[in-house]
Amino acid sequence: MTLTDAATPIWYVTFEIRKRGILPKQRSPRETRTFVTEDEAKIFARSKLEEGLTVFAGTINPHFPKRLVPSSQIYAWLADEHDDNEPPPGDQE
């Protein structure tokens, strides 16, 4: 597969990474990974939640419809079985 054949990621999952050592000021270091499908993003998000990390997700611009999944709604998103291209009810802008 060449780079032009590669699928374009449309989902991201961001998670807080654990602090190591003593930090000079309070901060919230994060890391983000991208995924081609929502299912791949959900699998990864679930694994980070199992590690006890704070997780949020969404679609990468310019993908439409735009989806944002705050950490307060991540469990509902993981339980949702909707199609990748259709937002759940009430999640449309």
PDB file of N, CA and C in Angstrom:
ATOM      1  N   MET A   1       0.856  -1.186   0.000  1.00  0.00           N
ATOM      2  CA  MET A   1       0.000   0.000   0.000  1.00  0.00           C
ATOM      3  C   MET A   1       0.891   1.236   0.000  1.00  0.00           C
ATOM      4  N   THR A   2       0.611   2.177  -0.856  1.00  0.00           N
ATOM      5  CA  THR A   2       1.373   3.425  -0.909  1.00  0.00           C
ATOM      6  C   THR A   2       0.721   4.458  -0.004  1.00  0.00           C
ATOM      7  N   LEU A   3       1.415   5.552   0.196  1.00  0.00           N
ATOM      8  CA  LEU A   3       0.849   6.602   1.048  1.00  0.00           C
ATOM      9  C   LEU A   3      -0.444   7.150   0.464  1.00  0.00           C
ATOM     10  N   THR A   4      -0.558   7.192  -0.849  1.00  0.00           N
ATOM     11  CA  THR A   4      -1.787   7.723  -1.442  1.00  0.00           C
ATOM     12  C   THR A   4      -2.946   6.751  -1.291  1.00  0.00           C
ATOM     13  N   ASP A   5      -2.657   5.465  -1.046  1.00  0.00           N
ATOM     14  CA  ASP A   5      -3.711   4.470  -0.838  1.00  0.00           C
ATOM     15  C   ASP A   5      -4.179   4.409   0.610  1.00  0.00           C
ATOM     16  N   ALA A   6      -3.410   4.992   1.503  1.00  0.00           N
ATOM     17  CA  ALA A   6      -3.735   4.921   2.928  1.00  0.00           C
ATOM     18  C   ALA A   6      -5.027   5.673   3.215  1.00  0.00           C
ATOM     19  N   ALA A   7      -5.815   5.107   4.110  1.00  0.00           N
ATOM     20  CA  ALA A   7      -7.063   5.755   4.510  1.00  0.00           C
ATOM     21  C   ALA A   7      -6.750   6.957   5.397  1.00  0.00           C
ATOM     22  N   THR A   8      -7.549   7.980   5.283  1.00  0.00           N
ATOM     23  CA  THR A   8      -7.364   9.200   6.062  1.00  0.00           C
ATOM     24  C   THR A   8      -8.053   9.059   7.419  1.00  0.00           C
ATOM     25  N   PRO A   9      -7.320   9.303   8.498  1.00  0.00           N
ATOM     26  CA  PRO A   9      -7.961   9.239   9.815  1.00  0.00           C
ATOM     27  C   PRO A   9      -9.016  10.334   9.949  1.00  0.00           C
ATOM     28  N   ILE A  10     -10.147   9.995  10.537  1.00  0.00           N
ATOM     29  CA  ILE A  10     -11.173  11.009  10.784  1.00  0.00           C
ATOM     30  C   ILE A  10     -11.529  11.112  12.266  1.00  0.00           C
ATOM     31  N   TRP A  11     -11.028  10.207  13.099  1.00  0.00           N
ATOM     32  CA  TRP A  11     -11.311  10.227  14.538  1.00  0.00           C
ATOM     33  C   TRP A  11     -10.026  10.461  15.318  1.00  0.00           C
ATOM     34  N   TYR A  12     -10.149  11.145  16.454  1.00  0.00           N
ATOM     35  CA  TYR A  12      -9.019  11.282  17.358  1.00  0.00           C
ATOM     36  C   TYR A  12      -9.469  10.902  18.759  1.00  0.00           C
ATOM     37  N   VAL A  13      -8.534  10.436  19.564  1.00  0.00           N
ATOM     38  CA  VAL A  13      -8.755  10.186  20.984  1.00  0.00           C
ATOM     39  C   VAL A  13      -7.609  10.869  21.711  1.00  0.00           C
ATOM     40  N   THR A  14      -7.948  11.728  22.659  1.00  0.00           N
ATOM     41  CA  THR A  14      -6.951  12.417  23.474  1.00  0.00           C
ATOM     42  C   THR A  14      -7.096  11.922  24.899  1.00  0.00           C
ATOM     43  N   PHE A  15      -5.959  11.694  25.543  1.00  0.00           N
ATOM     44  CA  PHE A  15      -5.988  11.206  26.919  1.00  0.00           C
ATOM     45  C   PHE A  15      -4.896  11.892  27.718  1.00  0.00           C
ATOM     46  N   GLU A  16      -5.169  12.070  29.011  1.00  0.00           N
ATOM     47  CA  GLU A  16      -4.173  12.657  29.897  1.00  0.00           C
ATOM     48  C   GLU A  16      -3.149  11.592  30.224  1.00  0.00           C
ATOM     49  N   ILE A  17      -1.880  11.958  30.143  1.00  0.00           N
ATOM     50  CA  ILE A  17      -0.837  11.000  30.493  1.00  0.00           C
ATOM     51  C   ILE A  17      -0.444  11.208  31.945  1.00  0.00           C
ATOM     52  N   ARG A  18       0.002  10.137  32.553  1.00  0.00           N
ATOM     53  CA  ARG A  18       0.377  10.212  33.966  1.00  0.00           C
ATOM     54  C   ARG A  18       1.608  11.087  34.140  1.00  0.00           C
ATOM     55  N   LYS A  19       1.576  11.857  35.216  1.00  0.00           N
ATOM     56  CA  LYS A  19       2.701  12.732  35.525  1.00  0.00           C
ATOM     57  C   LYS A  19       3.840  11.888  36.089  1.00  0.00           C
ATOM     58  N   ARG A  20       5.047  12.192  35.648  1.00  0.00           N
ATOM     59  CA  ARG A  20       6.234  11.505  36.153  1.00  0.00           C
ATOM     60  C   ARG A  20       7.125  12.543  36.823  1.00  0.00           C
ATOM     61  N   GLY A  21       7.568  12.235  38.020  1.00  0.00           N
ATOM     62  CA  GLY A  21       8.462  13.155  38.725  1.00  0.00           C
ATOM     63  C   GLY A  21       7.717  14.352  39.287  1.00  0.00           C
ATOM     64  N   ILE A  22       8.459  15.354  39.625  1.00  0.00           N
ATOM     65  CA  ILE A  22       7.889  16.574  40.209  1.00  0.00           C
ATOM     66  C   ILE A  22       7.849  17.649  39.127  1.00  0.00           C
ATOM     67  N   LEU A  23       6.674  18.164  38.903  1.00  0.00           N
ATOM     68  CA  LEU A  23       6.516  19.221  37.906  1.00  0.00           C
ATOM     69  C   LEU A  23       6.582  20.579  38.602  1.00  0.00           C
ATOM     70  N   PRO A  24       7.222  21.570  37.978  1.00  0.00           N
ATOM     71  CA  PRO A  24       7.343  22.889  38.608  1.00  0.00           C
ATOM     72  C   PRO A  24       6.012  23.623  38.739  1.00  0.00           C
ATOM     73  N   LYS A  25       5.044  23.331  37.885  1.00  0.00           N
ATOM     74  CA  LYS A  25       3.734  23.952  38.000  1.00  0.00           C
ATOM     75  C   LYS A  25       2.676  22.934  37.579  1.00  0.00           C
ATOM     76  N   GLN A  26       1.462  23.168  38.034  1.00  0.00           N
ATOM     77  CA  GLN A  26       0.375  22.252  37.708  1.00  0.00           C
ATOM     78  C   GLN A  26       0.077  22.311  36.211  1.00  0.00           C
ATOM     79  N   ARG A  27       0.004  21.162  35.575  1.00  0.00           N
ATOM     80  CA  ARG A  27      -0.363  21.097  34.175  1.00  0.00           C
ATOM     81  C   ARG A  27      -1.024  19.758  33.894  1.00  0.00           C
ATOM     82  N   SER A  28      -1.580  19.640  32.733  1.00  0.00           N
ATOM     83  CA  SER A  28      -2.303  18.435  32.365  1.00  0.00           C
ATOM     84  C   SER A  28      -1.770  17.930  31.021  1.00  0.00           C
ATOM     85  N   PRO A  29      -0.644  17.199  31.037  1.00  0.00           N
ATOM     86  CA  PRO A  29      -0.084  16.737  29.773  1.00  0.00           C
ATOM     87  C   PRO A  29      -1.016  15.737  29.082  1.00  0.00           C
ATOM     88  N   ARG A  30      -1.127  15.869  27.770  1.00  0.00           N
ATOM     89  CA  ARG A  30      -2.035  15.022  26.998  1.00  0.00           C
ATOM     90  C   ARG A  30      -1.308  14.442  25.797  1.00  0.00           C
ATOM     91  N   GLU A  31      -1.877  13.358  25.299  1.00  0.00           N
ATOM     92  CA  GLU A  31      -1.392  12.747  24.072  1.00  0.00           C
ATOM     93  C   GLU A  31      -2.611  12.446  23.213  1.00  0.00           C
ATOM     94  N   THR A  32      -2.454  12.552  21.892  1.00  0.00           N
ATOM     95  CA  THR A  32      -3.563  12.304  20.976  1.00  0.00           C
ATOM     96  C   THR A  32      -3.149  11.272  19.944  1.00  0.00           C
ATOM     97  N   ARG A  33      -4.066  10.352  19.649  1.00  0.00           N
ATOM     98  CA  ARG A  33      -3.871   9.368  18.586  1.00  0.00           C
ATOM     99  C   ARG A  33      -5.025   9.510  17.599  1.00  0.00           C
ATOM    100  N   THR A  34      -4.769   9.211  16.340  1.00  0.00           N
ATOM    101  CA  THR A  34      -5.812   9.307  15.317  1.00  0.00           C
ATOM    102  C   THR A  34      -6.147   7.927  14.769  1.00  0.00           C
ATOM    103  N   PHE A  35      -7.396   7.808  14.245  1.00  0.00           N
ATOM    104  CA  PHE A  35      -7.927   6.524  13.786  1.00  0.00           C
ATOM    105  C   PHE A  35      -8.770   6.723  12.539  1.00  0.00           C
ATOM    106  N   VAL A  36      -8.778   5.713  11.687  1.00  0.00           N
ATOM    107  CA  VAL A  36      -9.553   5.747  10.457  1.00  0.00           C
ATOM    108  C   VAL A  36     -11.038   5.540  10.750  1.00  0.00           C
ATOM    109  N   THR A  37     -11.355   4.678  11.714  1.00  0.00           N
ATOM    110  CA  THR A  37     -12.765   4.392  12.004  1.00  0.00           C
ATOM    111  C   THR A  37     -13.119   4.724  13.448  1.00  0.00           C
ATOM    112  N   GLU A  38     -14.399   4.927  13.674  1.00  0.00           N
ATOM    113  CA  GLU A  38     -14.896   5.187  15.015  1.00  0.00           C
ATOM    114  C   GLU A  38     -14.688   3.962  15.898  1.00  0.00           C
ATOM    115  N   ASP A  39     -14.869   2.757  15.345  1.00  0.00           N
ATOM    116  CA  ASP A  39     -14.680   1.539  16.136  1.00  0.00           C
ATOM    117  C   ASP A  39     -13.253   1.422  16.662  1.00  0.00           C
ATOM    118  N   GLU A  40     -12.269   1.745  15.823  1.00  0.00           N
ATOM    119  CA  GLU A  40     -10.868   1.715  16.270  1.00  0.00           C
ATOM    120  C   GLU A  40     -10.651   2.731  17.387  1.00  0.00           C
ATOM    121  N   ALA A  41     -11.236   3.909  17.236  1.00  0.00           N
ATOM    122  CA  ALA A  41     -11.108   4.950  18.258  1.00  0.00           C
ATOM    123  C   ALA A  41     -11.738   4.491  19.572  1.00  0.00           C
ATOM    124  N   LYS A  42     -12.885   3.833  19.490  1.00  0.00           N
ATOM    125  CA  LYS A  42     -13.563   3.347  20.704  1.00  0.00           C
ATOM    126  C   LYS A  42     -12.736   2.281  21.418  1.00  0.00           C
ATOM    127  N   ILE A  43     -12.136   1.372  20.666  1.00  0.00           N
ATOM    128  CA  ILE A  43     -11.312   0.322  21.277  1.00  0.00           C
ATOM    129  C   ILE A  43     -10.145   0.956  22.033  1.00  0.00           C
ATOM    130  N   PHE A  44      -9.493   1.920  21.403  1.00  0.00           N
ATOM    131  CA  PHE A  44      -8.366   2.586  22.042  1.00  0.00           C
ATOM    132  C   PHE A  44      -8.821   3.381  23.267  1.00  0.00           C
ATOM    133  N   ALA A  45      -9.911   4.131  23.134  1.00  0.00           N
ATOM    134  CA  ALA A  45     -10.427   4.933  24.254  1.00  0.00           C
ATOM    135  C   ALA A  45     -10.768   4.038  25.442  1.00  0.00           C
ATOM    136  N   ARG A  46     -11.397   2.895  25.171  1.00  0.00           N
ATOM    137  CA  ARG A  46     -11.761   1.963  26.240  1.00  0.00           C
ATOM    138  C   ARG A  46     -10.505   1.474  26.967  1.00  0.00           C
ATOM    139  N   SER A  47      -9.436   1.193  26.220  1.00  0.00           N
ATOM    140  CA  SER A  47      -8.204   0.711  26.859  1.00  0.00           C
ATOM    141  C   SER A  47      -7.599   1.788  27.766  1.00  0.00           C
ATOM    142  N   LYS A  48      -7.672   3.050  27.356  1.00  0.00           N
ATOM    143  CA  LYS A  48      -7.134   4.132  28.184  1.00  0.00           C
ATOM    144  C   LYS A  48      -8.008   4.368  29.417  1.00  0.00           C
ATOM    145  N   LEU A  49      -9.316   4.225  29.266  1.00  0.00           N
ATOM    146  CA  LEU A  49     -10.204   4.345  30.426  1.00  0.00           C
ATOM    147  C   LEU A  49      -9.906   3.245  31.449  1.00  0.00           C
ATOM    148  N   GLU A  50      -9.635   2.042  30.951  1.00  0.00           N
ATOM    149  CA  GLU A  50      -9.307   0.923  31.855  1.00  0.00           C
ATOM    150  C   GLU A  50      -8.016   1.174  32.617  1.00  0.00           C
ATOM    151  N   GLU A  51      -7.145   2.016  32.069  1.00  0.00           N
ATOM    152  CA  GLU A  51      -5.917   2.405  32.766  1.00  0.00           C
ATOM    153  C   GLU A  51      -6.180   3.531  33.776  1.00  0.00           C
ATOM    154  N   GLY A  52      -7.416   4.021  33.823  1.00  0.00           N
ATOM    155  CA  GLY A  52      -7.772   5.075  34.756  1.00  0.00           C
ATOM    156  C   GLY A  52      -7.474   6.482  34.258  1.00  0.00           C
ATOM    157  N   LEU A  53      -7.295   6.644  32.958  1.00  0.00           N
ATOM    158  CA  LEU A  53      -6.972   7.950  32.403  1.00  0.00           C
ATOM    159  C   LEU A  53      -8.223   8.701  31.958  1.00  0.00           C
ATOM    160  N   THR A  54      -8.150  10.018  31.953  1.00  0.00           N
ATOM    161  CA  THR A  54      -9.225  10.850  31.441  1.00  0.00           C
ATOM    162  C   THR A  54      -9.120  10.874  29.921  1.00  0.00           C
ATOM    163  N   VAL A  55     -10.257  10.626  29.249  1.00  0.00           N
ATOM    164  CA  VAL A  55     -10.270  10.466  27.797  1.00  0.00           C
ATOM    165  C   VAL A  55     -11.368  11.333  27.187  1.00  0.00           C
ATOM    166  N   PHE A  56     -11.090  11.932  26.027  1.00  0.00           N
ATOM    167  CA  PHE A  56     -12.133  12.536  25.214  1.00  0.00           C
ATOM    168  C   PHE A  56     -11.807  12.277  23.754  1.00  0.00           C
ATOM    169  N   ALA A  57     -12.793  12.449  22.877  1.00  0.00           N
ATOM    170  CA  ALA A  57     -12.629  12.061  21.477  1.00  0.00           C
ATOM    171  C   ALA A  57     -13.437  12.969  20.569  1.00  0.00           C
ATOM    172  N   GLY A  58     -13.253  12.765  19.274  1.00  0.00           N
ATOM    173  CA  GLY A  58     -14.027  13.524  18.298  1.00  0.00           C
ATOM    174  C   GLY A  58     -13.538  13.263  16.896  1.00  0.00           C
ATOM    175  N   THR A  59     -14.148  13.964  15.950  1.00  0.00           N
ATOM    176  CA  THR A  59     -13.738  13.852  14.557  1.00  0.00           C
ATOM    177  C   THR A  59     -12.773  14.978  14.222  1.00  0.00           C
ATOM    178  N   ILE A  60     -11.923  14.712  13.255  1.00  0.00           N
ATOM    179  CA  ILE A  60     -10.920  15.668  12.813  1.00  0.00           C
ATOM    180  C   ILE A  60     -11.528  16.533  11.713  1.00  0.00           C
ATOM    181  N   ASN A  61     -11.304  17.853  11.797  1.00  0.00           N
ATOM    182  CA  ASN A  61     -11.765  18.743  10.724  1.00  0.00           C
ATOM    183  C   ASN A  61     -11.096  18.342   9.423  1.00  0.00           C
ATOM    184  N   PRO A  62     -11.730  18.390   8.303  1.00  0.00           N
ATOM    185  CA  PRO A  62     -13.035  18.953   8.004  1.00  0.00           C
ATOM    186  C   PRO A  62     -14.146  17.901   7.953  1.00  0.00           C
ATOM    187  N   HIS A  63     -13.965  16.759   8.619  1.00  0.00           N
ATOM    188  CA  HIS A  63     -14.986  15.709   8.569  1.00  0.00           C
ATOM    189  C   HIS A  63     -16.328  16.250   9.044  1.00  0.00           C
ATOM    190  N   PHE A  64     -17.369  15.868   8.321  1.00  0.00           N
ATOM    191  CA  PHE A  64     -18.723  16.296   8.677  1.00  0.00           C
ATOM    192  C   PHE A  64     -19.615  15.074   8.735  1.00  0.00           C
ATOM    193  N   PRO A  65     -20.477  14.921   9.698  1.00  0.00           N
ATOM    194  CA  PRO A  65     -20.777  15.880  10.762  1.00  0.00           C
ATOM    195  C   PRO A  65     -19.694  15.863  11.838  1.00  0.00           C
ATOM    196  N   LYS A  66     -19.461  17.026  12.401  1.00  0.00           N
ATOM    197  CA  LYS A  66     -18.482  17.186  13.469  1.00  0.00           C
ATOM    198  C   LYS A  66     -18.987  16.490  14.716  1.00  0.00           C
ATOM    199  N   ARG A  67     -18.129  15.705  15.341  1.00  0.00           N
ATOM    200  CA  ARG A  67     -18.485  15.028  16.594  1.00  0.00           C
ATOM    201  C   ARG A  67     -17.470  15.388  17.665  1.00  0.00           C
ATOM    202  N   LEU A  68     -17.942  15.776  18.822  1.00  0.00           N
ATOM    203  CA  LEU A  68     -17.103  16.021  19.983  1.00  0.00           C
ATOM    204  C   LEU A  68     -17.642  15.165  21.119  1.00  0.00           C
ATOM    205  N   VAL A  69     -16.764  14.407  21.761  1.00  0.00           N
ATOM    206  CA  VAL A  69     -17.177  13.542  22.863  1.00  0.00           C
ATOM    207  C   VAL A  69     -16.361  13.938  24.088  1.00  0.00           C
ATOM    208  N   PRO A  70     -16.939  14.772  24.972  1.00  0.00           N
ATOM    209  CA  PRO A  70     -16.212  15.172  26.180  1.00  0.00           C
ATOM    210  C   PRO A  70     -16.070  13.985  27.133  1.00  0.00           C
ATOM    211  N   SER A  71     -15.138  14.094  28.061  1.00  0.00           N
ATOM    212  CA  SER A  71     -14.891  12.998  28.999  1.00  0.00           C
ATOM    213  C   SER A  71     -16.146  12.630  29.790  1.00  0.00           C
ATOM    214  N   SER A  72     -17.020  13.600  30.030  1.00  0.00           N
ATOM    215  CA  SER A  72     -18.253  13.318  30.783  1.00  0.00           C
ATOM    216  C   SER A  72     -19.230  12.437  30.004  1.00  0.00           C
ATOM    217  N   GLN A  73     -19.051  12.325  28.678  1.00  0.00           N
ATOM    218  CA  GLN A  73     -19.962  11.522  27.852  1.00  0.00           C
ATOM    219  C   GLN A  73     -19.268  10.326  27.195  1.00  0.00           C
ATOM    220  N   ILE A  74     -18.029  10.046  27.583  1.00  0.00           N
ATOM    221  CA  ILE A  74     -17.259   9.009  26.912  1.00  0.00           C
ATOM    222  C   ILE A  74     -17.871   7.620  27.097  1.00  0.00           C
ATOM    223  N   TYR A  75     -18.420   7.327  28.283  1.00  0.00           N
ATOM    224  CA  TYR A  75     -19.020   6.003  28.501  1.00  0.00           C
ATOM    225  C   TYR A  75     -20.253   5.811  27.631  1.00  0.00           C
ATOM    226  N   ALA A  76     -21.063   6.844  27.475  1.00  0.00           N
ATOM    227  CA  ALA A  76     -22.242   6.752  26.600  1.00  0.00           C
ATOM    228  C   ALA A  76     -21.811   6.550  25.151  1.00  0.00           C
ATOM    229  N   TRP A  77     -20.763   7.236  24.716  1.00  0.00           N
ATOM    230  CA  TRP A  77     -20.244   7.077  23.353  1.00  0.00           C
ATOM    231  C   TRP A  77     -19.750   5.649  23.120  1.00  0.00           C
ATOM    232  N   LEU A  78     -19.045   5.093  24.112  1.00  0.00           N
ATOM    233  CA  LEU A  78     -18.541   3.727  23.973  1.00  0.00           C
ATOM    234  C   LEU A  78     -19.676   2.711  23.891  1.00  0.00           C
ATOM    235  N   ALA A  79     -20.789   3.005  24.550  1.00  0.00           N
ATOM    236  CA  ALA A  79     -21.930   2.089  24.533  1.00  0.00           C
ATOM    237  C   ALA A  79     -22.785   2.256  23.285  1.00  0.00           C
ATOM    238  N   ASP A  80     -22.620   3.378  22.578  1.00  0.00           N
ATOM    239  CA  ASP A  80     -23.427   3.692  21.399  1.00  0.00           C
ATOM    240  C   ASP A  80     -23.028   2.805  20.225  1.00  0.00           C
ATOM    241  N   GLU A  81     -24.017   2.294  19.495  1.00  0.00           N
ATOM    242  CA  GLU A  81     -23.766   1.398  18.366  1.00  0.00           C
ATOM    243  C   GLU A  81     -24.139   2.035  17.040  1.00  0.00           C
ATOM    244  N   HIS A  82     -24.198   3.369  16.928  1.00  0.00           N
ATOM    245  CA  HIS A  82     -24.627   4.007  15.682  1.00  0.00           C
ATOM    246  C   HIS A  82     -23.581   3.844  14.585  1.00  0.00           C
ATOM    247  N   ASP A  83     -24.000   4.075  13.363  1.00  0.00           N
ATOM    248  CA  ASP A  83     -23.133   4.019  12.187  1.00  0.00           C
ATOM    249  C   ASP A  83     -22.098   5.131  12.245  1.00  0.00           C
ATOM    250  N   ASP A  84     -20.874   4.869  11.761  1.00  0.00           N
ATOM    251  CA  ASP A  84     -19.785   5.857  11.764  1.00  0.00           C
ATOM    252  C   ASP A  84     -20.173   7.183  11.123  1.00  0.00           C
ATOM    253  N   ASN A  85     -21.011   7.163  10.114  1.00  0.00           N
ATOM    254  CA  ASN A  85     -21.323   8.372   9.369  1.00  0.00           C
ATOM    255  C   ASN A  85     -22.576   9.076   9.836  1.00  0.00           C
ATOM    256  N   GLU A  86     -23.252   8.534  10.812  1.00  0.00           N
ATOM    257  CA  GLU A  86     -24.485   9.150  11.289  1.00  0.00           C
ATOM    258  C   GLU A  86     -24.360   9.494  12.767  1.00  0.00           C
ATOM    259  N   PRO A  87     -24.529  10.756  13.118  1.00  0.00           N
ATOM    260  CA  PRO A  87     -24.450  11.137  14.529  1.00  0.00           C
ATOM    261  C   PRO A  87     -25.664  10.627  15.289  1.00  0.00           C
ATOM    262  N   PRO A  88     -25.481  10.350  16.590  1.00  0.00           N
ATOM    263  CA  PRO A  88     -26.637   9.947  17.378  1.00  0.00           C
ATOM    264  C   PRO A  88     -27.613  11.112  17.508  1.00  0.00           C
ATOM    265  N   PRO A  89     -28.862  10.834  17.851  1.00  0.00           N
ATOM    266  CA  PRO A  89     -29.849  11.916  17.989  1.00  0.00           C
ATOM    267  C   PRO A  89     -29.360  12.975  18.973  1.00  0.00           C
ATOM    268  N   GLY A  90     -29.557  14.236  18.615  1.00  0.00           N
ATOM    269  CA  GLY A  90     -29.181  15.339  19.499  1.00  0.00           C
ATOM    270  C   GLY A  90     -27.731  15.740  19.406  1.00  0.00           C
ATOM    271  N   ASP A  91     -26.932  15.110  18.530  1.00  0.00           N
ATOM    272  CA  ASP A  91     -25.507  15.421  18.418  1.00  0.00           C
ATOM    273  C   ASP A  91     -25.195  16.123  17.102  1.00  0.00           C
ATOM    274  N   GLN A  92     -26.194  16.731  16.497  1.00  0.00           N
ATOM    275  CA  GLN A  92     -25.986  17.420  15.241  1.00  0.00           C
ATOM    276  C   GLN A  92     -25.878  18.901  15.485  1.00  0.00           C
ATOM    277  N   GLU A  93     -25.049  19.556  14.687  1.00  0.00           N
ATOM    278  CA  GLU A  93     -24.925  21.012  14.824  1.00  0.00           C
ATOM    279  C   GLU A  93     -25.737  21.719  13.796  1.00  0.00           C
TER     280      GLU A  93
END
